[in-house]
PDB file of N, CA and C in Angstrom:
ATOM      1  N   MET A   1     244.034 324.301 -54.177  1.00  0.00           N
ATOM      2  CA  MET A   1     244.136 323.729 -52.855  1.00  0.00           C
ATOM      3  C   MET A   1     244.845 322.373 -52.882  1.00  0.00           C
ATOM      4  N   LEU A   2     244.595 321.612 -53.942  1.00  0.00           N
ATOM      5  CA  LEU A   2     245.250 320.315 -54.061  1.00  0.00           C
ATOM      6  C   LEU A   2     246.761 320.470 -54.219  1.00  0.00           C
ATOM      7  N   GLY A   3     247.169 321.489 -54.958  1.00  0.00           N
ATOM      8  CA  GLY A   3     248.603 321.738 -55.120  1.00  0.00           C
ATOM      9  C   GLY A   3     249.273 322.102 -53.812  1.00  0.00           C
ATOM     10  N   LEU A   4     248.593 322.900 -53.005  1.00  0.00           N
ATOM     11  CA  LEU A   4     249.140 323.274 -51.701  1.00  0.00           C
ATOM     12  C   LEU A   4     249.252 322.055 -50.790  1.00  0.00           C
ATOM     13  N   THR A   5     248.240 321.198 -50.834  1.00  0.00           N
ATOM     14  CA  THR A   5     248.277 319.971 -50.031  1.00  0.00           C
ATOM     15  C   THR A   5     249.430 319.071 -50.471  1.00  0.00           C
ATOM     16  N   ALA A   6     249.619 318.930 -51.783  1.00  0.00           N
ATOM     17  CA  ALA A   6     250.727 318.109 -52.291  1.00  0.00           C
ATOM     18  C   ALA A   6     252.069 318.697 -51.892  1.00  0.00           C
ATOM     19  N   LEU A   7     252.188 320.008 -51.952  1.00  0.00           N
ATOM     20  CA  LEU A   7     253.445 320.660 -51.580  1.00  0.00           C
ATOM     21  C   LEU A   7     253.742 320.467 -50.097  1.00  0.00           C
ATOM     22  N   VAL A   8     252.743 320.660 -49.255  1.00  0.00           N
ATOM     23  CA  VAL A   8     252.943 320.492 -47.808  1.00  0.00           C
ATOM     24  C   VAL A   8     253.306 319.042 -47.479  1.00  0.00           C
ATOM     25  N   PHE A   9     252.588 318.094 -48.081  1.00  0.00           N
ATOM     26  CA  PHE A   9     252.899 316.683 -47.841  1.00  0.00           C
ATOM     27  C   PHE A   9     254.329 316.356 -48.268  1.00  0.00           C
ATOM     28  N   THR A  10     254.722 316.828 -49.441  1.00  0.00           N
ATOM     29  CA  THR A  10     256.065 316.547 -49.949  1.00  0.00           C
ATOM     30  C   THR A  10     257.134 317.104 -49.016  1.00  0.00           C
ATOM     31  N   LEU A  11     256.957 318.329 -48.575  1.00  0.00           N
ATOM     32  CA  LEU A  11     257.949 318.944 -47.686  1.00  0.00           C
ATOM     33  C   LEU A  11     258.013 318.252 -46.334  1.00  0.00           C
ATOM     34  N   ILE A  12     256.843 317.962 -45.758  1.00  0.00           N
ATOM     35  CA  ILE A  12     256.824 317.320 -44.441  1.00  0.00           C
ATOM     36  C   ILE A  12     257.386 315.904 -44.521  1.00  0.00           C
ATOM     37  N   TYR A  13     257.005 315.150 -45.543  1.00  0.00           N
ATOM     38  CA  TYR A  13     257.487 313.774 -45.656  1.00  0.00           C
ATOM     39  C   TYR A  13     258.993 313.728 -45.916  1.00  0.00           C
ATOM     40  N   ALA A  14     259.484 314.601 -46.796  1.00  0.00           N
ATOM     41  CA  ALA A  14     260.926 314.623 -47.064  1.00  0.00           C
ATOM     42  C   ALA A  14     261.701 315.010 -45.805  1.00  0.00           C
ATOM     43  N   ALA A  15     261.188 315.981 -45.054  1.00  0.00           N
ATOM     44  CA  ALA A  15     261.851 316.365 -43.801  1.00  0.00           C
ATOM     45  C   ALA A  15     261.824 315.214 -42.798  1.00  0.00           C
ATOM     46  N   PHE A  16     260.707 314.490 -42.732  1.00  0.00           N
ATOM     47  CA  PHE A  16     260.625 313.347 -41.822  1.00  0.00           C
ATOM     48  C   PHE A  16     261.620 312.253 -42.195  1.00  0.00           C
ATOM     49  N   VAL A  17     261.733 311.946 -43.486  1.00  0.00           N
ATOM     50  CA  VAL A  17     262.666 310.903 -43.920  1.00  0.00           C
ATOM     51  C   VAL A  17     264.098 311.316 -43.595  1.00  0.00           C
ATOM     52  N   LEU A  18     264.434 312.573 -43.855  1.00  0.00           N
ATOM     53  CA  LEU A  18     265.790 313.028 -43.534  1.00  0.00           C
ATOM     54  C   LEU A  18     266.044 312.994 -42.029  1.00  0.00           C
ATOM     55  N   TRP A  19     265.061 313.413 -41.233  1.00  0.00           N
ATOM     56  CA  TRP A  19     265.209 313.370 -39.779  1.00  0.00           C
ATOM     57  C   TRP A  19     265.336 311.930 -39.290  1.00  0.00           C
ATOM     58  N   ALA A  20     264.483 311.054 -39.813  1.00  0.00           N
ATOM     59  CA  ALA A  20     264.485 309.662 -39.349  1.00  0.00           C
ATOM     60  C   ALA A  20     265.789 308.958 -39.693  1.00  0.00           C
ATOM     61  N   THR A  21     266.363 309.263 -40.830  1.00  0.00           N
ATOM     62  CA  THR A  21     267.617 308.596 -41.186  1.00  0.00           C
ATOM     63  C   THR A  21     268.796 309.143 -40.382  1.00  0.00           C
ATOM     64  N   GLN A  22     268.680 310.353 -39.879  1.00  0.00           N
ATOM     65  CA  GLN A  22     269.757 310.908 -39.055  1.00  0.00           C
ATOM     66  C   GLN A  22     269.649 310.471 -37.594  1.00  0.00           C
ATOM     67  N   ARG A  23     268.432 310.244 -37.109  1.00  0.00           N
ATOM     68  CA  ARG A  23     268.212 309.959 -35.694  1.00  0.00           C
ATOM     69  C   ARG A  23     268.017 308.480 -35.374  1.00  0.00           C
ATOM     70  N   THR A  24     267.845 307.657 -36.385  1.00  0.00           N
ATOM     71  CA  THR A  24     267.627 306.236 -36.149  1.00  0.00           C
ATOM     72  C   THR A  24     268.634 305.443 -36.964  1.00  0.00           C
ATOM     73  N   PHE A  25     268.464 304.152 -36.980  1.00  0.00           N
ATOM     74  CA  PHE A  25     269.383 303.288 -37.705  1.00  0.00           C
ATOM     75  C   PHE A  25     268.858 302.914 -39.086  1.00  0.00           C
ATOM     76  N   LEU A  26     268.018 303.763 -39.659  1.00  0.00           N
ATOM     77  CA  LEU A  26     267.535 303.512 -41.017  1.00  0.00           C
ATOM     78  C   LEU A  26     268.661 303.723 -42.017  1.00  0.00           C
ATOM     79  N   ASP A  27     268.512 303.134 -43.172  1.00  0.00           N
ATOM     80  CA  ASP A  27     269.488 303.348 -44.235  1.00  0.00           C
ATOM     81  C   ASP A  27     269.410 304.787 -44.716  1.00  0.00           C
ATOM     82  N   ILE A  28     270.328 305.114 -45.609  1.00  0.00           N
ATOM     83  CA  ILE A  28     270.276 306.456 -46.198  1.00  0.00           C
ATOM     84  C   ILE A  28     268.996 306.590 -47.017  1.00  0.00           C
ATOM     85  N   PRO A  29     268.477 307.819 -47.197  1.00  0.00           N
ATOM     86  CA  PRO A  29     267.235 307.977 -47.958  1.00  0.00           C
ATOM     87  C   PRO A  29     267.422 307.522 -49.397  1.00  0.00           C
ATOM     88  N   GLY A  30     266.734 306.497 -49.769  1.00  0.00           N
ATOM     89  CA  GLY A  30     266.834 305.970 -51.118  1.00  0.00           C
ATOM     90  C   GLY A  30     265.478 305.945 -51.783  1.00  0.00           C
ATOM     91  N   ASP A  31     265.404 305.198 -52.856  1.00  0.00           N
ATOM     92  CA  ASP A  31     264.163 305.129 -53.620  1.00  0.00           C
ATOM     93  C   ASP A  31     263.011 304.571 -52.797  1.00  0.00           C
ATOM     94  N   ARG A  32     263.298 303.626 -51.936  1.00  0.00           N
ATOM     95  CA  ARG A  32     262.235 302.981 -51.168  1.00  0.00           C
ATOM     96  C   ARG A  32     261.576 303.954 -50.198  1.00  0.00           C
ATOM     97  N   TYR A  33     262.367 304.762 -49.508  1.00  0.00           N
ATOM     98  CA  TYR A  33     261.806 305.694 -48.536  1.00  0.00           C
ATOM     99  C   TYR A  33     261.162 306.905 -49.200  1.00  0.00           C
ATOM    100  N   LEU A  34     261.688 307.320 -50.336  1.00  0.00           N
ATOM    101  CA  LEU A  34     261.175 308.516 -50.993  1.00  0.00           C
ATOM    102  C   LEU A  34     260.095 308.222 -52.032  1.00  0.00           C
ATOM    103  N   ALA A  35     259.714 306.975 -52.217  1.00  0.00           N
ATOM    104  CA  ALA A  35     258.702 306.615 -53.208  1.00  0.00           C
ATOM    105  C   ALA A  35     257.351 307.293 -52.978  1.00  0.00           C
ATOM    106  N   PRO A  36     256.874 307.490 -51.747  1.00  0.00           N
ATOM    107  CA  PRO A  36     255.560 308.123 -51.575  1.00  0.00           C
ATOM    108  C   PRO A  36     255.469 309.563 -52.061  1.00  0.00           C
ATOM    109  N   ILE A  37     256.595 310.248 -52.253  1.00  0.00           N
ATOM    110  CA  ILE A  37     256.493 311.632 -52.713  1.00  0.00           C
ATOM    111  C   ILE A  37     256.612 311.755 -54.228  1.00  0.00           C
ATOM    112  N   PHE A  38     256.728 310.642 -54.939  1.00  0.00           N
ATOM    113  CA  PHE A  38     256.874 310.718 -56.391  1.00  0.00           C
ATOM    114  C   PHE A  38     255.621 311.286 -57.052  1.00  0.00           C
ATOM    115  N   VAL A  39     254.459 310.785 -56.692  1.00  0.00           N
ATOM    116  CA  VAL A  39     253.210 311.225 -57.329  1.00  0.00           C
ATOM    117  C   VAL A  39     252.903 312.691 -57.017  1.00  0.00           C
ATOM    118  N   PRO A  40     252.951 313.148 -55.746  1.00  0.00           N
ATOM    119  CA  PRO A  40     252.708 314.574 -55.514  1.00  0.00           C
ATOM    120  C   PRO A  40     253.743 315.472 -56.186  1.00  0.00           C
ATOM    121  N   LEU A  41     254.996 315.029 -56.226  1.00  0.00           N
ATOM    122  CA  LEU A  41     256.032 315.826 -56.864  1.00  0.00           C
ATOM    123  C   LEU A  41     255.822 315.916 -58.371  1.00  0.00           C
ATOM    124  N   LEU A  42     255.393 314.823 -58.984  1.00  0.00           N
ATOM    125  CA  LEU A  42     255.077 314.843 -60.412  1.00  0.00           C
ATOM    126  C   LEU A  42     253.892 315.755 -60.686  1.00  0.00           C
ATOM    127  N   GLY A  43     252.871 315.712 -59.837  1.00  0.00           N
ATOM    128  CA  GLY A  43     251.722 316.600 -59.994  1.00  0.00           C
ATOM    129  C   GLY A  43     252.102 318.068 -59.864  1.00  0.00           C
ATOM    130  N   LEU A  44     252.973 318.376 -58.904  1.00  0.00           N
ATOM    131  CA  LEU A  44     253.440 319.753 -58.742  1.00  0.00           C
ATOM    132  C   LEU A  44     254.246 320.202 -59.956  1.00  0.00           C
ATOM    133  N   THR A  45     255.061 319.317 -60.492  1.00  0.00           N
ATOM    134  CA  THR A  45     255.853 319.658 -61.677  1.00  0.00           C
ATOM    135  C   THR A  45     254.957 319.918 -62.869  1.00  0.00           C
ATOM    136  N   LEU A  46     253.976 319.060 -63.085  1.00  0.00           N
ATOM    137  CA  LEU A  46     253.077 319.243 -64.221  1.00  0.00           C
ATOM    138  C   LEU A  46     252.212 320.491 -64.059  1.00  0.00           C
ATOM    139  N   SER A  47     251.766 320.795 -62.852  1.00  0.00           N
ATOM    140  CA  SER A  47     250.993 322.023 -62.659  1.00  0.00           C
ATOM    141  C   SER A  47     251.874 323.256 -62.847  1.00  0.00           C
ATOM    142  N   GLY A  48     253.138 323.153 -62.478  1.00  0.00           N
ATOM    143  CA  GLY A  48     254.069 324.251 -62.738  1.00  0.00           C
ATOM    144  C   GLY A  48     254.289 324.478 -64.225  1.00  0.00           C
ATOM    145  N   ILE A  49     254.365 323.386 -64.980  1.00  0.00           N
ATOM    146  CA  ILE A  49     254.501 323.508 -66.429  1.00  0.00           C
ATOM    147  C   ILE A  49     253.252 324.146 -67.024  1.00  0.00           C
ATOM    148  N   LYS A  50     252.078 323.764 -66.506  1.00  0.00           N
ATOM    149  CA  LYS A  50     250.828 324.342 -66.996  1.00  0.00           C
ATOM    150  C   LYS A  50     250.769 325.844 -66.706  1.00  0.00           C
ATOM    151  N   LYS A  51     251.180 326.247 -65.508  1.00  0.00           N
ATOM    152  CA  LYS A  51     251.193 327.671 -65.172  1.00  0.00           C
ATOM    153  C   LYS A  51     252.223 328.424 -65.999  1.00  0.00           C
ATOM    154  N   MET A  52     253.371 327.793 -66.263  1.00  0.00           N
ATOM    155  CA  MET A  52     254.381 328.431 -67.093  1.00  0.00           C
ATOM    156  C   MET A  52     253.854 328.640 -68.506  1.00  0.00           C
ATOM    157  N   ARG A  53     253.144 327.652 -69.023  1.00  0.00           N
ATOM    158  CA  ARG A  53     252.576 327.774 -70.369  1.00  0.00           C
ATOM    159  C   ARG A  53     251.516 328.872 -70.404  1.00  0.00           C
ATOM    160  N   ALA A  54     250.675 328.957 -69.372  1.00  0.00           N
ATOM    161  CA  ALA A  54     249.662 330.012 -69.320  1.00  0.00           C
ATOM    162  C   ALA A  54     250.316 331.387 -69.209  1.00  0.00           C
ATOM    163  N   TRP A  55     251.433 331.482 -68.514  1.00  0.00           N
ATOM    164  CA  TRP A  55     252.133 332.749 -68.384  1.00  0.00           C
ATOM    165  C   TRP A  55     252.792 333.156 -69.696  1.00  0.00           C
ATOM    166  N   LEU A  56     253.298 332.182 -70.434  1.00  0.00           N
ATOM    167  CA  LEU A  56     253.979 332.478 -71.688  1.00  0.00           C
ATOM    168  C   LEU A  56     253.036 332.561 -72.890  1.00  0.00           C
ATOM    169  N   GLU A  57     251.801 332.105 -72.744  1.00  0.00           N
ATOM    170  CA  GLU A  57     250.866 332.054 -73.867  1.00  0.00           C
ATOM    171  C   GLU A  57     250.612 333.414 -74.519  1.00  0.00           C
ATOM    172  N   PRO A  58     250.431 334.502 -73.767  1.00  0.00           N
ATOM    173  CA  PRO A  58     250.183 335.778 -74.436  1.00  0.00           C
ATOM    174  C   PRO A  58     251.332 336.224 -75.342  1.00  0.00           C
ATOM    175  N   ARG A  59     252.497 335.753 -75.102  1.00  0.00           N
ATOM    176  CA  ARG A  59     253.643 336.146 -75.931  1.00  0.00           C
ATOM    177  C   ARG A  59     253.618 335.448 -77.288  1.00  0.00           C
ATOM    178  N   ARG A  60     252.975 334.290 -77.345  1.00  0.00           N
ATOM    179  CA  ARG A  60     252.755 333.526 -78.580  1.00  0.00           C
ATOM    180  C   ARG A  60     254.012 333.368 -79.432  1.00  0.00           C
ATOM    181  N   GLY A  61     255.112 333.251 -78.798  1.00  0.00           N
ATOM    182  CA  GLY A  61     256.343 333.042 -79.543  1.00  0.00           C
ATOM    183  C   GLY A  61     256.732 331.580 -79.549  1.00  0.00           C
ATOM    184  N   HIS A  62     257.745 331.312 -80.302  1.00  0.00           N
ATOM    185  CA  HIS A  62     258.256 329.947 -80.334  1.00  0.00           C
ATOM    186  C   HIS A  62     258.979 329.612 -79.032  1.00  0.00           C
ATOM    187  N   LEU A  63     259.319 330.641 -78.290  1.00  0.00           N
ATOM    188  CA  LEU A  63     260.013 330.425 -77.026  1.00  0.00           C
ATOM    189  C   LEU A  63     259.141 329.660 -76.037  1.00  0.00           C
ATOM    190  N   SER A  64     257.859 330.019 -75.961  1.00  0.00           N
ATOM    191  CA  SER A  64     256.981 329.334 -75.010  1.00  0.00           C
ATOM    192  C   SER A  64     256.821 327.860 -75.364  1.00  0.00           C
ATOM    193  N   SER A  65     256.661 327.566 -76.644  1.00  0.00           N
ATOM    194  CA  SER A  65     256.539 326.173 -77.064  1.00  0.00           C
ATOM    195  C   SER A  65     257.831 325.413 -76.806  1.00  0.00           C
ATOM    196  N   ALA A  66     258.955 326.054 -77.037  1.00  0.00           N
ATOM    197  CA  ALA A  66     260.247 325.403 -76.818  1.00  0.00           C
ATOM    198  C   ALA A  66     260.473 325.136 -75.331  1.00  0.00           C
ATOM    199  N   LEU A  67     260.091 326.078 -74.469  1.00  0.00           N
ATOM    200  CA  LEU A  67     260.266 325.876 -73.032  1.00  0.00           C
ATOM    201  C   LEU A  67     259.378 324.747 -72.511  1.00  0.00           C
ATOM    202  N   VAL A  68     258.137 324.712 -72.970  1.00  0.00           N
ATOM    203  CA  VAL A  68     257.230 323.649 -72.527  1.00  0.00           C
ATOM    204  C   VAL A  68     257.709 322.302 -73.047  1.00  0.00           C
ATOM    205  N   ALA A  69     258.133 322.242 -74.300  1.00  0.00           N
ATOM    206  CA  ALA A  69     258.640 320.984 -74.855  1.00  0.00           C
ATOM    207  C   ALA A  69     259.899 320.536 -74.108  1.00  0.00           C
ATOM    208  N   GLY A  70     260.770 321.472 -73.794  1.00  0.00           N
ATOM    209  CA  GLY A  70     261.972 321.134 -73.040  1.00  0.00           C
ATOM    210  C   GLY A  70     261.662 320.621 -71.650  1.00  0.00           C
ATOM    211  N   ALA A  71     260.685 321.233 -70.979  1.00  0.00           N
ATOM    212  CA  ALA A  71     260.290 320.773 -69.648  1.00  0.00           C
ATOM    213  C   ALA A  71     259.693 319.371 -69.710  1.00  0.00           C
ATOM    214  N   CYS A  72     258.873 319.123 -70.718  1.00  0.00           N
ATOM    215  CA  CYS A  72     258.277 317.782 -70.865  1.00  0.00           C
ATOM    216  C   CYS A  72     259.350 316.735 -71.166  1.00  0.00           C
ATOM    217  N   LEU A  73     260.298 317.065 -72.015  1.00  0.00           N
ATOM    218  CA  LEU A  73     261.393 316.131 -72.309  1.00  0.00           C
ATOM    219  C   LEU A  73     262.243 315.867 -71.077  1.00  0.00           C
ATOM    220  N   TRP A  74     262.428 316.887 -70.265  1.00  0.00           N
ATOM    221  CA  TRP A  74     263.203 316.721 -69.039  1.00  0.00           C
ATOM    222  C   TRP A  74     262.513 315.733 -68.105  1.00  0.00           C
ATOM    223  N   ILE A  75     261.189 315.838 -67.971  1.00  0.00           N
ATOM    224  CA  ILE A  75     260.438 314.925 -67.102  1.00  0.00           C
ATOM    225  C   ILE A  75     260.547 313.488 -67.632  1.00  0.00           C
ATOM    226  N   VAL A  76     260.380 313.339 -68.945  1.00  0.00           N
ATOM    227  CA  VAL A  76     260.466 312.011 -69.537  1.00  0.00           C
ATOM    228  C   VAL A  76     261.859 311.431 -69.366  1.00  0.00           C
ATOM    229  N   ALA A  77     262.889 312.255 -69.574  1.00  0.00           N
ATOM    230  CA  ALA A  77     264.257 311.784 -69.433  1.00  0.00           C
ATOM    231  C   ALA A  77     264.560 311.374 -67.990  1.00  0.00           C
ATOM    232  N   GLU A  78     264.055 312.135 -67.030  1.00  0.00           N
ATOM    233  CA  GLU A  78     264.273 311.783 -65.626  1.00  0.00           C
ATOM    234  C   GLU A  78     263.577 310.476 -65.257  1.00  0.00           C
ATOM    235  N   ALA A  79     262.438 310.219 -65.885  1.00  0.00           N
ATOM    236  CA  ALA A  79     261.690 309.003 -65.585  1.00  0.00           C
ATOM    237  C   ALA A  79     262.313 307.779 -66.251  1.00  0.00           C
ATOM    238  N   ILE A  80     262.911 307.958 -67.418  1.00  0.00           N
ATOM    239  CA  ILE A  80     263.411 306.805 -68.188  1.00  0.00           C
ATOM    240  C   ILE A  80     264.870 306.501 -67.894  1.00  0.00           C
ATOM    241  N   LEU A  81     265.693 307.522 -67.876  1.00  0.00           N
ATOM    242  CA  LEU A  81     267.138 307.303 -67.716  1.00  0.00           C
ATOM    243  C   LEU A  81     267.486 306.965 -66.269  1.00  0.00           C
ATOM    244  N   PRO A  82     268.497 306.143 -66.077  1.00  0.00           N
ATOM    245  CA  PRO A  82     268.885 305.762 -64.700  1.00  0.00           C
ATOM    246  C   PRO A  82     269.578 306.883 -63.972  1.00  0.00           C
TER     247      PRO A  82
END
């Protein structure tokens, strides 16, 4: 239920920011306006990685570990690199 709430909030807030920047004199959507969706989006990404790992676990191959490691590195790279 928490994931659904985070997803709905993220979609509604992103749509509101895009609508508000088109209909008012706000700046283009930047980091300042989109900052409130960072935490729910990170939670959704991490829960998706957890579900992907649970889906790949019965296969017990190196592929599942490589995919999870790649997803985690991608998140870290997005957070660190400009």
